[in-house]
Amino acid sequence: MGEFDKVSAGQKFRPKAKAWNAFIDAALYVKNQQGGMTVDGGKRQTRTGIVLVHNTSDDDMPLFAPMYISGPIVEVEDEETALKFMDGLPAFTADKFSEEENLKQPLVILQQPIKSDEMGKAMIAGITPVRLTDTDDDGDYAVPDVEDGTGMATAASGNCRILWQGDGDESWAIVLLNSPSEPEYNGPFKIINGDSGIEVIDGRDPDANYAGFAMGNGELTSIESGAVSGSAPGYVCLQAEFDEDEETFTWSYLITEYPETEVTETIAIYPLGYLEADDDGGIARIVQFPIAVPELWVLGECKADDSASS
């Protein structure tokens, strides 16, 4: 019988050490893969995305609380210290979120309660439950709640994508940790869902009364910020209407599902972004088109040249 042949019922079974060890390694691999673990030759077992953290704050931190990494416990200066850092689980010092400035630091979610000045496990990447202590803002992301310090707050952008969220002002959620959202657009003609509805502003200076510059028939013009007419879904467009008598443009913003149908002999359209609607007709998502200087051209009606026929 070969080393890896199957055994029949009642057959004498005396496995060789090599075959038995291979079976154990395979069983450990399957078991730990199912549990989100990785195995190094059966000697070291670690859950993917888990690190050790030393709670350097003055507070005892509860299970699933957010903390920020302030540095490695073993500083990597050469090959020797690099190998020491990698001996077992990577270990870091961690502190409590208490100020907006802390939000710039790397985030971990505790996987066990950790008392002040003690060590414990935390997740730095992966899927984990979190406690939502602030759900005032709409959004598909969660960020540390700096006012509470032990929970998370809903947000429009961030590093934790919400996969599922319970009901209530304070609830639980399941998040994908360190899955950053797209960078926020802060350029000209930024589309926002303001207090009075959809507006177009200058993302570089939100308080300015202009949204950016545009070219109208080759002439550079400053365009005012303002409200957008229409409702989602549809394209948010910059509209230029040309007065042939005055030879001037009137600028405005509108929402249309079919921008090409708005174009006439005196009207030009430039899409700035797109609005996705939810089931209730509200704004589900703003898709911004990065823009420098929109160029709009109104050619008007081509008139016959009388001199050509004479």
C-alpha atoms as a PDB file:
ATOM      1  CA  MET A   1       0.000   0.000   0.000  1.00  0.00           C
ATOM      2  CA  GLY A   2       1.309   3.433  -0.926  1.00  0.00           C
ATOM      3  CA  GLU A   3       1.852   6.254   1.568  1.00  0.00           C
ATOM      4  CA  PHE A   4      -1.314   8.102   0.581  1.00  0.00           C
ATOM      5  CA  ASP A   5      -3.664   5.240  -0.412  1.00  0.00           C
ATOM      6  CA  LYS A   6      -7.104   5.144   1.241  1.00  0.00           C
ATOM      7  CA  VAL A   7      -7.806   2.507   3.918  1.00  0.00           C
ATOM      8  CA  SER A   8     -10.707   0.042   3.721  1.00  0.00           C
ATOM      9  CA  ALA A   9     -12.966  -0.730   6.698  1.00  0.00           C
ATOM     10  CA  GLY A  10     -11.372  -3.404   8.943  1.00  0.00           C
ATOM     11  CA  GLN A  11      -7.979  -3.081   7.261  1.00  0.00           C
ATOM     12  CA  LYS A  12      -4.971  -2.806   9.559  1.00  0.00           C
ATOM     13  CA  PHE A  13      -3.761   0.773   9.611  1.00  0.00           C
ATOM     14  CA  ARG A  14      -0.229   1.712  10.585  1.00  0.00           C
ATOM     15  CA  PRO A  15       0.527   5.094   9.008  1.00  0.00           C
ATOM     16  CA  LYS A  16       4.097   6.097   8.416  1.00  0.00           C
ATOM     17  CA  ALA A  17       5.246   9.255  10.147  1.00  0.00           C
ATOM     18  CA  LYS A  18       5.697  11.089   6.818  1.00  0.00           C
ATOM     19  CA  ALA A  19       2.151  10.327   5.666  1.00  0.00           C
ATOM     20  CA  TRP A  20       0.601  11.126   9.048  1.00  0.00           C
ATOM     21  CA  ASN A  21       2.462  14.443   9.357  1.00  0.00           C
ATOM     22  CA  ALA A  22       1.382  15.386   5.844  1.00  0.00           C
ATOM     23  CA  PHE A  23      -2.221  14.675   6.828  1.00  0.00           C
ATOM     24  CA  ILE A  24      -1.923  16.826   9.969  1.00  0.00           C
ATOM     25  CA  ASP A  25      -0.389  19.716   7.995  1.00  0.00           C
ATOM     26  CA  ALA A  26      -3.221  19.532   5.457  1.00  0.00           C
ATOM     27  CA  ALA A  27      -5.879  19.395   8.178  1.00  0.00           C
ATOM     28  CA  LEU A  28      -4.377  22.387   9.984  1.00  0.00           C
ATOM     29  CA  TYR A  29      -4.209  24.324   6.739  1.00  0.00           C
ATOM     30  CA  VAL A  30      -7.889  23.725   5.939  1.00  0.00           C
ATOM     31  CA  LYS A  31      -8.988  24.453   9.505  1.00  0.00           C
ATOM     32  CA  ASN A  32      -7.128  27.726   9.706  1.00  0.00           C
ATOM     33  CA  GLN A  33      -8.073  28.862   6.207  1.00  0.00           C
ATOM     34  CA  GLN A  34     -11.722  28.438   7.183  1.00  0.00           C
ATOM     35  CA  GLY A  35     -11.127  30.542  10.256  1.00  0.00           C
ATOM     36  CA  GLY A  36      -9.324  33.294   8.391  1.00  0.00           C
ATOM     37  CA  MET A  37      -5.921  32.094   9.591  1.00  0.00           C
ATOM     38  CA  THR A  38      -2.578  31.541   7.927  1.00  0.00           C
ATOM     39  CA  VAL A  39      -0.182  28.742   8.824  1.00  0.00           C
ATOM     40  CA  ASP A  40       3.590  28.712   8.685  1.00  0.00           C
ATOM     41  CA  GLY A  41       4.588  25.034   8.560  1.00  0.00           C
ATOM     42  CA  GLY A  42       2.180  24.229  11.391  1.00  0.00           C
ATOM     43  CA  LYS A  43       4.384  26.146  13.821  1.00  0.00           C
ATOM     44  CA  ARG A  44       2.888  29.631  13.808  1.00  0.00           C
ATOM     45  CA  GLN A  45      -0.814  30.414  13.403  1.00  0.00           C
ATOM     46  CA  THR A  46      -2.008  33.970  12.946  1.00  0.00           C
ATOM     47  CA  ARG A  47      -5.309  35.412  11.829  1.00  0.00           C
ATOM     48  CA  THR A  48      -4.986  37.520   8.707  1.00  0.00           C
ATOM     49  CA  GLY A  49      -4.869  41.252   9.460  1.00  0.00           C
ATOM     50  CA  ILE A  50      -4.262  40.857  13.205  1.00  0.00           C
ATOM     51  CA  VAL A  51      -1.548  42.756  15.089  1.00  0.00           C
ATOM     52  CA  LEU A  52      -0.618  43.243  18.741  1.00  0.00           C
ATOM     53  CA  VAL A  53      -1.089  46.681  20.281  1.00  0.00           C
ATOM     54  CA  HIS A  54       0.041  48.216  23.538  1.00  0.00           C
ATOM     55  CA  ASN A  55      -2.698  50.475  24.934  1.00  0.00           C
ATOM     56  CA  THR A  56      -0.744  53.604  25.874  1.00  0.00           C
ATOM     57  CA  SER A  57      -3.859  55.628  26.712  1.00  0.00           C
ATOM     58  CA  ASP A  58      -5.030  56.260  30.271  1.00  0.00           C
ATOM     59  CA  ASP A  59      -8.327  54.446  29.612  1.00  0.00           C
ATOM     60  CA  ASP A  60      -9.335  50.801  29.523  1.00  0.00           C
ATOM     61  CA  MET A  61     -10.539  50.211  25.954  1.00  0.00           C
ATOM     62  CA  PRO A  62     -13.525  47.942  25.188  1.00  0.00           C
ATOM     63  CA  LEU A  63     -13.875  45.223  22.557  1.00  0.00           C
ATOM     64  CA  PHE A  64     -14.169  46.584  18.975  1.00  0.00           C
ATOM     65  CA  ALA A  65     -13.022  50.066  19.978  1.00  0.00           C
ATOM     66  CA  PRO A  66     -10.974  52.061  17.430  1.00  0.00           C
ATOM     67  CA  MET A  67      -7.418  53.099  18.252  1.00  0.00           C
ATOM     68  CA  TYR A  68      -4.642  54.673  16.224  1.00  0.00           C
ATOM     69  CA  ILE A  69      -1.121  53.358  15.765  1.00  0.00           C
ATOM     70  CA  SER A  70       1.526  55.702  17.138  1.00  0.00           C
ATOM     71  CA  GLY A  71       4.570  53.584  16.306  1.00  0.00           C
ATOM     72  CA  PRO A  72       6.142  50.110  16.306  1.00  0.00           C
ATOM     73  CA  ILE A  73       7.195  48.600  19.609  1.00  0.00           C
ATOM     74  CA  VAL A  74      10.419  47.410  17.969  1.00  0.00           C
ATOM     75  CA  GLU A  75      11.854  50.137  15.751  1.00  0.00           C
ATOM     76  CA  VAL A  76      13.255  48.747  12.504  1.00  0.00           C
ATOM     77  CA  GLU A  77      16.778  50.080  12.018  1.00  0.00           C
ATOM     78  CA  ASP A  78      18.587  47.175  10.366  1.00  0.00           C
ATOM     79  CA  GLU A  79      18.158  43.536   9.301  1.00  0.00           C
ATOM     80  CA  GLU A  80      18.423  42.280  12.864  1.00  0.00           C
ATOM     81  CA  THR A  81      15.695  44.557  14.216  1.00  0.00           C
ATOM     82  CA  ALA A  82      13.569  43.879  11.098  1.00  0.00           C
ATOM     83  CA  LEU A  83      13.679  40.138  11.845  1.00  0.00           C
ATOM     84  CA  LYS A  84      12.867  40.813  15.501  1.00  0.00           C
ATOM     85  CA  PHE A  85       9.849  42.902  14.451  1.00  0.00           C
ATOM     86  CA  MET A  86       8.600  39.997  12.306  1.00  0.00           C
ATOM     87  CA  ASP A  87       9.078  37.386  15.067  1.00  0.00           C
ATOM     88  CA  GLY A  88       5.450  36.546  15.837  1.00  0.00           C
ATOM     89  CA  LEU A  89       2.667  39.090  15.432  1.00  0.00           C
ATOM     90  CA  PRO A  90       3.728  42.636  14.461  1.00  0.00           C
ATOM     91  CA  ALA A  91       3.414  44.813  17.582  1.00  0.00           C
ATOM     92  CA  PHE A  92       2.623  48.535  17.837  1.00  0.00           C
ATOM     93  CA  THR A  93       1.859  51.173  20.415  1.00  0.00           C
ATOM     94  CA  ALA A  94      -1.703  52.486  20.121  1.00  0.00           C
ATOM     95  CA  ASP A  95      -3.591  55.430  21.563  1.00  0.00           C
ATOM     96  CA  LYS A  96      -7.213  56.560  21.901  1.00  0.00           C
ATOM     97  CA  PHE A  97      -8.870  58.833  19.312  1.00  0.00           C
ATOM     98  CA  SER A  98      -9.616  62.124  21.059  1.00  0.00           C
ATOM     99  CA  GLU A  99      -8.870  64.870  18.502  1.00  0.00           C
ATOM    100  CA  GLU A 100      -9.585  65.460  14.798  1.00  0.00           C
ATOM    101  CA  GLU A 101      -5.832  65.434  14.199  1.00  0.00           C
ATOM    102  CA  ASN A 102      -5.724  61.776  15.290  1.00  0.00           C
ATOM    103  CA  LEU A 103      -7.858  60.787  12.286  1.00  0.00           C
ATOM    104  CA  LYS A 104      -4.797  61.101  10.052  1.00  0.00           C
ATOM    105  CA  GLN A 105      -3.125  58.186  11.860  1.00  0.00           C
ATOM    106  CA  PRO A 106      -3.392  54.462  10.906  1.00  0.00           C
ATOM    107  CA  LEU A 107      -6.521  52.853  12.351  1.00  0.00           C
ATOM    108  CA  VAL A 108      -6.969  49.518  14.147  1.00  0.00           C
ATOM    109  CA  ILE A 109     -10.076  47.927  15.692  1.00  0.00           C
ATOM    110  CA  LEU A 110      -9.557  46.044  18.968  1.00  0.00           C
ATOM    111  CA  GLN A 111     -10.425  42.350  18.869  1.00  0.00           C
ATOM    112  CA  GLN A 112     -10.452  42.073  22.659  1.00  0.00           C
ATOM    113  CA  PRO A 113     -10.794  44.488  25.590  1.00  0.00           C
ATOM    114  CA  ILE A 114      -7.395  45.971  26.502  1.00  0.00           C
ATOM    115  CA  LYS A 115      -6.737  47.696  29.799  1.00  0.00           C
ATOM    116  CA  SER A 116      -4.504  50.730  30.036  1.00  0.00           C
ATOM    117  CA  ASP A 117      -0.797  49.875  29.675  1.00  0.00           C
ATOM    118  CA  GLU A 118      -1.563  46.300  28.582  1.00  0.00           C
ATOM    119  CA  MET A 119      -1.229  44.366  25.307  1.00  0.00           C
ATOM    120  CA  GLY A 120      -3.901  42.775  23.163  1.00  0.00           C
ATOM    121  CA  LYS A 121      -4.971  41.893  19.640  1.00  0.00           C
ATOM    122  CA  ALA A 122      -6.348  44.354  17.087  1.00  0.00           C
ATOM    123  CA  MET A 123      -7.335  44.202  13.433  1.00  0.00           C
ATOM    124  CA  ILE A 124      -5.460  46.401  10.971  1.00  0.00           C
ATOM    125  CA  ALA A 125      -7.089  45.056   7.786  1.00  0.00           C
ATOM    126  CA  GLY A 126     -10.122  42.865   7.181  1.00  0.00           C
ATOM    127  CA  ILE A 127     -13.782  42.531   8.175  1.00  0.00           C
ATOM    128  CA  THR A 128     -14.823  43.288  11.753  1.00  0.00           C
ATOM    129  CA  PRO A 129     -17.852  44.445  13.786  1.00  0.00           C
ATOM    130  CA  VAL A 130     -17.793  47.994  15.189  1.00  0.00           C
ATOM    131  CA  ARG A 131     -20.080  49.969  17.464  1.00  0.00           C
ATOM    132  CA  LEU A 132     -21.636  53.069  15.876  1.00  0.00           C
ATOM    133  CA  THR A 133     -21.941  55.815  18.491  1.00  0.00           C
ATOM    134  CA  ASP A 134     -22.820  58.608  16.023  1.00  0.00           C
ATOM    135  CA  THR A 135     -25.089  58.059  12.984  1.00  0.00           C
ATOM    136  CA  ASP A 136     -26.016  61.704  12.328  1.00  0.00           C
ATOM    137  CA  ASP A 137     -24.202  61.861   8.964  1.00  0.00           C
ATOM    138  CA  ASP A 138     -25.363  59.858   5.970  1.00  0.00           C
ATOM    139  CA  GLY A 139     -22.731  57.758   4.260  1.00  0.00           C
ATOM    140  CA  ASP A 140     -21.379  54.314   3.492  1.00  0.00           C
ATOM    141  CA  TYR A 141     -18.224  54.700   5.582  1.00  0.00           C
ATOM    142  CA  ALA A 142     -17.298  54.786   9.266  1.00  0.00           C
ATOM    143  CA  VAL A 143     -14.652  56.896  11.005  1.00  0.00           C
ATOM    144  CA  PRO A 144     -13.583  56.999  14.668  1.00  0.00           C
ATOM    145  CA  ASP A 145     -15.919  59.078  16.836  1.00  0.00           C
ATOM    146  CA  VAL A 146     -13.449  61.434  18.519  1.00  0.00           C
ATOM    147  CA  GLU A 147     -16.080  62.756  20.935  1.00  0.00           C
ATOM    148  CA  ASP A 148     -16.913  59.293  22.266  1.00  0.00           C
ATOM    149  CA  GLY A 149     -13.472  57.735  21.767  1.00  0.00           C
ATOM    150  CA  THR A 150     -14.707  54.124  21.911  1.00  0.00           C
ATOM    151  CA  GLY A 151     -16.981  53.904  18.858  1.00  0.00           C
ATOM    152  CA  MET A 152     -17.334  54.908  15.230  1.00  0.00           C
ATOM    153  CA  ALA A 153     -19.344  57.529  13.358  1.00  0.00           C
ATOM    154  CA  THR A 154     -20.994  57.254   9.946  1.00  0.00           C
ATOM    155  CA  ALA A 155     -19.448  59.398   7.200  1.00  0.00           C
ATOM    156  CA  ALA A 156     -19.546  60.016   3.445  1.00  0.00           C
ATOM    157  CA  SER A 157     -15.904  58.990   3.087  1.00  0.00           C
ATOM    158  CA  GLY A 158     -13.217  57.300   5.128  1.00  0.00           C
ATOM    159  CA  ASN A 159     -11.161  54.147   5.579  1.00  0.00           C
ATOM    160  CA  CYS A 160     -13.893  51.724   6.717  1.00  0.00           C
ATOM    161  CA  ARG A 161     -16.519  50.681   4.207  1.00  0.00           C
ATOM    162  CA  ILE A 162     -19.810  49.758   5.944  1.00  0.00           C
ATOM    163  CA  LEU A 163     -20.962  46.352   4.706  1.00  0.00           C
ATOM    164  CA  TRP A 164     -23.994  46.179   7.009  1.00  0.00           C
ATOM    165  CA  GLN A 165     -25.534  48.564   9.526  1.00  0.00           C
ATOM    166  CA  GLY A 166     -28.150  48.011  12.204  1.00  0.00           C
ATOM    167  CA  ASP A 167     -31.003  50.370  13.029  1.00  0.00           C
ATOM    168  CA  GLY A 168     -31.000  53.124  15.620  1.00  0.00           C
ATOM    169  CA  ASP A 169     -28.980  56.179  16.608  1.00  0.00           C
ATOM    170  CA  GLU A 170     -26.471  53.903  18.319  1.00  0.00           C
ATOM    171  CA  SER A 171     -26.121  50.527  16.642  1.00  0.00           C
ATOM    172  CA  TRP A 172     -23.683  47.938  15.392  1.00  0.00           C
ATOM    173  CA  ALA A 173     -22.151  47.621  11.952  1.00  0.00           C
ATOM    174  CA  ILE A 174     -19.859  45.308  10.027  1.00  0.00           C
ATOM    175  CA  VAL A 175     -17.070  47.123   8.207  1.00  0.00           C
ATOM    176  CA  LEU A 176     -14.266  46.379   5.777  1.00  0.00           C
ATOM    177  CA  LEU A 177     -11.323  47.968   7.567  1.00  0.00           C
ATOM    178  CA  ASN A 178      -8.806  49.991   5.563  1.00  0.00           C
ATOM    179  CA  SER A 179     -10.849  50.049   2.354  1.00  0.00           C
ATOM    180  CA  PRO A 180     -10.457  53.746   1.556  1.00  0.00           C
ATOM    181  CA  SER A 181     -13.065  55.714  -0.350  1.00  0.00           C
ATOM    182  CA  GLU A 182     -12.225  57.649  -3.481  1.00  0.00           C
ATOM    183  CA  PRO A 183     -10.381  60.922  -2.758  1.00  0.00           C
ATOM    184  CA  GLU A 184     -12.792  63.814  -2.325  1.00  0.00           C
ATOM    185  CA  TYR A 185     -12.903  66.180  -5.294  1.00  0.00           C
ATOM    186  CA  ASN A 186     -12.006  69.740  -4.299  1.00  0.00           C
ATOM    187  CA  GLY A 187     -11.632  71.467  -7.658  1.00  0.00           C
ATOM    188  CA  PRO A 188     -13.723  73.976  -9.630  1.00  0.00           C
ATOM    189  CA  PHE A 189     -17.407  73.294 -10.293  1.00  0.00           C
ATOM    190  CA  LYS A 190     -17.752  70.924  -7.323  1.00  0.00           C
ATOM    191  CA  ILE A 191     -21.243  69.438  -6.946  1.00  0.00           C
ATOM    192  CA  ILE A 192     -22.582  69.319  -3.374  1.00  0.00           C
ATOM    193  CA  ASN A 193     -25.852  68.436  -1.676  1.00  0.00           C
ATOM    194  CA  GLY A 194     -26.267  71.663   0.271  1.00  0.00           C
ATOM    195  CA  ASP A 195     -28.897  72.978   2.682  1.00  0.00           C
ATOM    196  CA  SER A 196     -31.042  74.258  -0.201  1.00  0.00           C
ATOM    197  CA  GLY A 197     -30.481  71.287  -2.510  1.00  0.00           C
ATOM    198  CA  ILE A 198     -27.897  70.492  -5.154  1.00  0.00           C
ATOM    199  CA  GLU A 199     -25.398  73.322  -5.659  1.00  0.00           C
ATOM    200  CA  VAL A 200     -22.244  73.944  -7.686  1.00  0.00           C
ATOM    201  CA  ILE A 201     -19.384  75.649  -5.842  1.00  0.00           C
ATOM    202  CA  ASP A 202     -15.623  76.075  -6.063  1.00  0.00           C
ATOM    203  CA  GLY A 203     -14.171  73.182  -4.063  1.00  0.00           C
ATOM    204  CA  ARG A 204     -10.949  75.123  -3.545  1.00  0.00           C
ATOM    205  CA  ASP A 205     -12.842  77.960  -1.804  1.00  0.00           C
ATOM    206  CA  PRO A 206     -16.342  76.838  -0.752  1.00  0.00           C
ATOM    207  CA  ASP A 207     -17.287  80.285   0.580  1.00  0.00           C
ATOM    208  CA  ALA A 208     -16.506  82.093  -2.696  1.00  0.00           C
ATOM    209  CA  ASN A 209     -19.350  83.372  -4.890  1.00  0.00           C
ATOM    210  CA  TYR A 210     -17.838  81.825  -8.008  1.00  0.00           C
ATOM    211  CA  ALA A 211     -17.512  78.173  -9.038  1.00  0.00           C
ATOM    212  CA  GLY A 212     -14.708  78.441 -11.581  1.00  0.00           C
ATOM    213  CA  PHE A 213     -13.857  79.709 -15.059  1.00  0.00           C
ATOM    214  CA  ALA A 214     -15.372  78.632 -18.372  1.00  0.00           C
ATOM    215  CA  MET A 215     -14.807  79.461 -22.019  1.00  0.00           C
ATOM    216  CA  GLY A 216     -17.798  80.805 -23.918  1.00  0.00           C
ATOM    217  CA  ASN A 217     -17.056  80.969 -27.635  1.00  0.00           C
ATOM    218  CA  GLY A 218     -13.377  81.279 -26.819  1.00  0.00           C
ATOM    219  CA  GLU A 219     -13.755  84.009 -24.163  1.00  0.00           C
ATOM    220  CA  LEU A 220     -12.726  83.226 -20.567  1.00  0.00           C
ATOM    221  CA  THR A 221     -15.481  84.040 -18.075  1.00  0.00           C
ATOM    222  CA  SER A 222     -15.832  83.726 -14.295  1.00  0.00           C
ATOM    223  CA  ILE A 223     -18.919  81.629 -13.480  1.00  0.00           C
ATOM    224  CA  GLU A 224     -20.883  82.203 -10.284  1.00  0.00           C
ATOM    225  CA  SER A 225     -21.683  79.378  -7.884  1.00  0.00           C
ATOM    226  CA  GLY A 226     -25.354  78.580  -7.522  1.00  0.00           C
ATOM    227  CA  ALA A 227     -28.283  76.219  -7.170  1.00  0.00           C
ATOM    228  CA  VAL A 228     -29.055  73.540  -9.731  1.00  0.00           C
ATOM    229  CA  SER A 229     -32.541  73.189 -11.227  1.00  0.00           C
ATOM    230  CA  GLY A 230     -34.062  69.747 -11.803  1.00  0.00           C
ATOM    231  CA  SER A 231     -33.994  66.468  -9.878  1.00  0.00           C
ATOM    232  CA  ALA A 232     -32.018  63.218  -9.800  1.00  0.00           C
ATOM    233  CA  PRO A 233     -31.164  61.023 -11.541  1.00  0.00           C
ATOM    234  CA  GLY A 234     -29.338  62.837 -14.282  1.00  0.00           C
ATOM    235  CA  TYR A 235     -26.304  64.796 -15.377  1.00  0.00           C
ATOM    236  CA  VAL A 236     -25.503  68.067 -13.609  1.00  0.00           C
ATOM    237  CA  CYS A 237     -24.658  70.441 -16.445  1.00  0.00           C
ATOM    238  CA  LEU A 238     -23.337  73.939 -16.925  1.00  0.00           C
ATOM    239  CA  GLN A 239     -25.591  75.704 -19.442  1.00  0.00           C
ATOM    240  CA  ALA A 240     -24.611  78.684 -21.593  1.00  0.00           C
ATOM    241  CA  GLU A 241     -27.416  80.507 -23.409  1.00  0.00           C
ATOM    242  CA  PHE A 242     -26.288  83.032 -26.026  1.00  0.00           C
ATOM    243  CA  ASP A 243     -28.209  86.241 -26.709  1.00  0.00           C
ATOM    244  CA  GLU A 244     -27.530  86.937 -30.380  1.00  0.00           C
ATOM    245  CA  ASP A 245     -28.704  90.559 -30.142  1.00  0.00           C
ATOM    246  CA  GLU A 246     -26.606  91.433 -27.091  1.00  0.00           C
ATOM    247  CA  GLU A 247     -23.892  88.926 -28.003  1.00  0.00           C
ATOM    248  CA  THR A 248     -23.628  87.874 -24.352  1.00  0.00           C
ATOM    249  CA  PHE A 249     -24.004  84.583 -22.432  1.00  0.00           C
ATOM    250  CA  THR A 250     -26.353  83.747 -19.570  1.00  0.00           C
ATOM    251  CA  TRP A 251     -24.972  80.947 -17.381  1.00  0.00           C
ATOM    252  CA  SER A 252     -26.957  78.484 -15.249  1.00  0.00           C
ATOM    253  CA  TYR A 253     -26.962  74.909 -13.889  1.00  0.00           C
ATOM    254  CA  LEU A 254     -29.477  72.146 -14.592  1.00  0.00           C
ATOM    255  CA  ILE A 255     -30.020  68.397 -14.215  1.00  0.00           C
ATOM    256  CA  THR A 256     -30.927  66.388 -17.295  1.00  0.00           C
ATOM    257  CA  GLU A 257     -30.786  62.702 -18.178  1.00  0.00           C
ATOM    258  CA  TYR A 258     -30.043  63.503 -21.808  1.00  0.00           C
ATOM    259  CA  PRO A 259     -27.710  66.511 -22.154  1.00  0.00           C
ATOM    260  CA  GLU A 260     -27.670  66.300 -25.957  1.00  0.00           C
ATOM    261  CA  THR A 261     -31.404  67.098 -26.093  1.00  0.00           C
ATOM    262  CA  GLU A 262     -30.826  70.449 -24.369  1.00  0.00           C
ATOM    263  CA  VAL A 263     -28.483  71.737 -27.079  1.00  0.00           C
ATOM    264  CA  THR A 264     -29.998  74.272 -29.530  1.00  0.00           C
ATOM    265  CA  GLU A 265     -28.724  76.983 -31.864  1.00  0.00           C
ATOM    266  CA  THR A 266     -28.365  79.321 -28.885  1.00  0.00           C
ATOM    267  CA  ILE A 267     -27.725  76.903 -25.966  1.00  0.00           C
ATOM    268  CA  ALA A 268     -24.591  74.880 -25.165  1.00  0.00           C
ATOM    269  CA  ILE A 269     -24.274  72.246 -22.413  1.00  0.00           C
ATOM    270  CA  TYR A 270     -21.271  70.929 -20.467  1.00  0.00           C
ATOM    271  CA  PRO A 271     -21.734  67.936 -18.052  1.00  0.00           C
ATOM    272  CA  LEU A 272     -20.074  68.498 -14.658  1.00  0.00           C
ATOM    273  CA  GLY A 273     -21.088  65.220 -12.998  1.00  0.00           C
ATOM    274  CA  TYR A 274     -23.893  62.748 -12.474  1.00  0.00           C
ATOM    275  CA  LEU A 275     -26.456  62.251  -9.679  1.00  0.00           C
ATOM    276  CA  GLU A 276     -27.655  58.772  -8.730  1.00  0.00           C
ATOM    277  CA  ALA A 277     -31.062  58.605  -7.028  1.00  0.00           C
ATOM    278  CA  ASP A 278     -32.284  56.291  -4.280  1.00  0.00           C
ATOM    279  CA  ASP A 279     -35.679  54.592  -4.169  1.00  0.00           C
ATOM    280  CA  ASP A 280     -37.264  57.689  -2.597  1.00  0.00           C
ATOM    281  CA  GLY A 281     -35.918  60.078  -5.231  1.00  0.00           C
ATOM    282  CA  GLY A 282     -33.211  61.444  -2.956  1.00  0.00           C
ATOM    283  CA  ILE A 283     -29.527  61.702  -3.765  1.00  0.00           C
ATOM    284  CA  ALA A 284     -27.803  58.346  -3.405  1.00  0.00           C
ATOM    285  CA  ARG A 285     -24.441  59.319  -4.850  1.00  0.00           C
ATOM    286  CA  ILE A 286     -22.679  62.233  -6.537  1.00  0.00           C
ATOM    287  CA  VAL A 287     -20.300  61.236  -9.328  1.00  0.00           C
ATOM    288  CA  GLN A 288     -17.998  64.188  -9.968  1.00  0.00           C
ATOM    289  CA  PHE A 289     -16.258  64.741 -13.296  1.00  0.00           C
ATOM    290  CA  PRO A 290     -12.873  66.433 -12.647  1.00  0.00           C
ATOM    291  CA  ILE A 291     -12.835  69.697 -14.586  1.00  0.00           C
ATOM    292  CA  ALA A 292     -10.317  72.437 -15.336  1.00  0.00           C
ATOM    293  CA  VAL A 293     -11.980  74.946 -17.669  1.00  0.00           C
ATOM    294  CA  PRO A 294     -15.179  73.899 -19.504  1.00  0.00           C
ATOM    295  CA  GLU A 295     -15.353  75.066 -23.117  1.00  0.00           C
ATOM    296  CA  LEU A 296     -18.789  75.832 -24.552  1.00  0.00           C
ATOM    297  CA  TRP A 297     -19.499  76.966 -28.086  1.00  0.00           C
ATOM    298  CA  VAL A 298     -22.701  78.416 -29.533  1.00  0.00           C
ATOM    299  CA  LEU A 299     -22.434  78.772 -33.306  1.00  0.00           C
ATOM    300  CA  GLY A 300     -25.972  79.963 -33.934  1.00  0.00           C
ATOM    301  CA  GLU A 301     -27.661  79.755 -37.313  1.00  0.00           C
ATOM    302  CA  CYS A 302     -25.357  79.938 -40.306  1.00  0.00           C
ATOM    303  CA  LYS A 303     -26.563  82.742 -42.546  1.00  0.00           C
ATOM    304  CA  ALA A 304     -25.980  82.882 -46.268  1.00  0.00           C
ATOM    305  CA  ASP A 305     -23.170  85.147 -47.427  1.00  0.00           C
ATOM    306  CA  ASP A 306     -24.811  87.630 -49.857  1.00  0.00           C
ATOM    307  CA  SER A 307     -21.436  88.719 -51.175  1.00  0.00           C
ATOM    308  CA  ALA A 308     -20.710  85.195 -52.402  1.00  0.00           C
ATOM    309  CA  SER A 309     -23.670  85.243 -54.817  1.00  0.00           C
ATOM    310  CA  SER A 310     -22.998  88.697 -56.271  1.00  0.00           C
END
